[in-house]
Amino acid sequence: MEMCHIPVTGCMVKNPLTGEWELDEERSTWADIPADVIARKLIEGFGLDAILKGVDAD
């Protein structure tokens, strides 16, 4: 089973040089979540057509 290490609570900070918002990896909370669980949630939430739109699904 493939796992994805993703931020489940992200802490965003503004970069003082660029003014852009960035994820502060040290202050964020991370979890290892099975890739198939993430895929199912995305398909349930957005629909398969929205996910595959513009993508070669071969």
C-alpha atoms as a PDB file:
ATOM      1  CA  MET A   1       0.000   0.000   0.000  1.00  0.00           C
ATOM      2  CA  GLU A   2       1.432   3.340  -1.044  1.00  0.00           C
ATOM      3  CA  MET A   3       1.349   6.039   1.625  1.00  0.00           C
ATOM      4  CA  CYS A   4       1.352   9.801   1.126  1.00  0.00           C
ATOM      5  CA  HIS A   5       2.987  12.047   3.725  1.00  0.00           C
ATOM      6  CA  ILE A   6       0.729  15.115   3.677  1.00  0.00           C
ATOM      7  CA  PRO A   7       0.040  18.117   5.897  1.00  0.00           C
ATOM      8  CA  VAL A   8      -3.296  17.651   7.672  1.00  0.00           C
ATOM      9  CA  THR A   9      -3.010  21.022   9.413  1.00  0.00           C
ATOM     10  CA  GLY A  10      -0.912  23.530   7.546  1.00  0.00           C
ATOM     11  CA  CYS A  11       0.667  26.644   8.982  1.00  0.00           C
ATOM     12  CA  MET A  12       1.057  29.308   6.320  1.00  0.00           C
ATOM     13  CA  VAL A  13       3.569  32.139   6.653  1.00  0.00           C
ATOM     14  CA  LYS A  14       4.202  35.126   4.417  1.00  0.00           C
ATOM     15  CA  ASN A  15       7.640  35.154   2.815  1.00  0.00           C
ATOM     16  CA  PRO A  16       9.181  38.536   3.712  1.00  0.00           C
ATOM     17  CA  LEU A  17      11.177  38.679   0.472  1.00  0.00           C
ATOM     18  CA  THR A  18       8.529  37.715  -2.086  1.00  0.00           C
ATOM     19  CA  GLY A  19       5.343  38.537  -0.186  1.00  0.00           C
ATOM     20  CA  GLU A  20       3.937  35.133  -1.143  1.00  0.00           C
ATOM     21  CA  TRP A  21       2.340  32.695   1.298  1.00  0.00           C
ATOM     22  CA  GLU A  22       4.235  29.461   1.931  1.00  0.00           C
ATOM     23  CA  LEU A  23       3.715  26.327   3.988  1.00  0.00           C
ATOM     24  CA  ASP A  24       5.814  26.284   7.163  1.00  0.00           C
ATOM     25  CA  GLU A  25       6.663  22.586   7.217  1.00  0.00           C
ATOM     26  CA  GLU A  26       8.026  22.597  10.772  1.00  0.00           C
ATOM     27  CA  ARG A  27       4.889  24.124  12.311  1.00  0.00           C
ATOM     28  CA  SER A  28       2.467  22.008  10.258  1.00  0.00           C
ATOM     29  CA  THR A  29       0.995  18.684  11.380  1.00  0.00           C
ATOM     30  CA  TRP A  30       1.722  15.761   9.057  1.00  0.00           C
ATOM     31  CA  ALA A  31       0.226  12.281   8.617  1.00  0.00           C
ATOM     32  CA  ASP A  32       0.860   9.234   6.475  1.00  0.00           C
ATOM     33  CA  ILE A  33      -2.383   8.477   4.647  1.00  0.00           C
ATOM     34  CA  PRO A  34      -2.964   5.655   2.144  1.00  0.00           C
ATOM     35  CA  ALA A  35      -3.026   6.963  -1.433  1.00  0.00           C
ATOM     36  CA  ASP A  36      -6.252   5.088  -2.220  1.00  0.00           C
ATOM     37  CA  VAL A  37      -8.055   6.853   0.654  1.00  0.00           C
ATOM     38  CA  ILE A  38      -6.994  10.235  -0.746  1.00  0.00           C
ATOM     39  CA  ALA A  39      -8.074   9.217  -4.262  1.00  0.00           C
ATOM     40  CA  ARG A  40     -11.495   8.062  -3.044  1.00  0.00           C
ATOM     41  CA  LYS A  41     -12.088  11.323  -1.153  1.00  0.00           C
ATOM     42  CA  LEU A  42     -11.141  13.395  -4.197  1.00  0.00           C
ATOM     43  CA  ILE A  43     -13.418  11.381  -6.487  1.00  0.00           C
ATOM     44  CA  GLU A  44     -16.303  11.591  -3.984  1.00  0.00           C
ATOM     45  CA  GLY A  45     -15.811  15.327  -3.515  1.00  0.00           C
ATOM     46  CA  PHE A  46     -15.114  16.491  -7.063  1.00  0.00           C
ATOM     47  CA  GLY A  47     -16.248  13.635  -9.315  1.00  0.00           C
ATOM     48  CA  LEU A  48     -14.100  11.537 -11.614  1.00  0.00           C
ATOM     49  CA  ASP A  49     -14.742  13.757 -14.658  1.00  0.00           C
ATOM     50  CA  ALA A  50     -13.415  16.847 -12.874  1.00  0.00           C
ATOM     51  CA  ILE A  51     -10.268  15.013 -11.828  1.00  0.00           C
ATOM     52  CA  LEU A  52      -9.564  13.535 -15.262  1.00  0.00           C
ATOM     53  CA  LYS A  53     -10.486  16.662 -17.244  1.00  0.00           C
ATOM     54  CA  GLY A  54      -7.617  17.544 -19.510  1.00  0.00           C
ATOM     55  CA  VAL A  55      -5.595  14.505 -18.445  1.00  0.00           C
ATOM     56  CA  ASP A  56      -4.723  11.537 -20.593  1.00  0.00           C
ATOM     57  CA  ALA A  57      -6.288   8.678 -18.619  1.00  0.00           C
ATOM     58  CA  ASP A  58      -4.498   5.823 -20.444  1.00  0.00           C
END
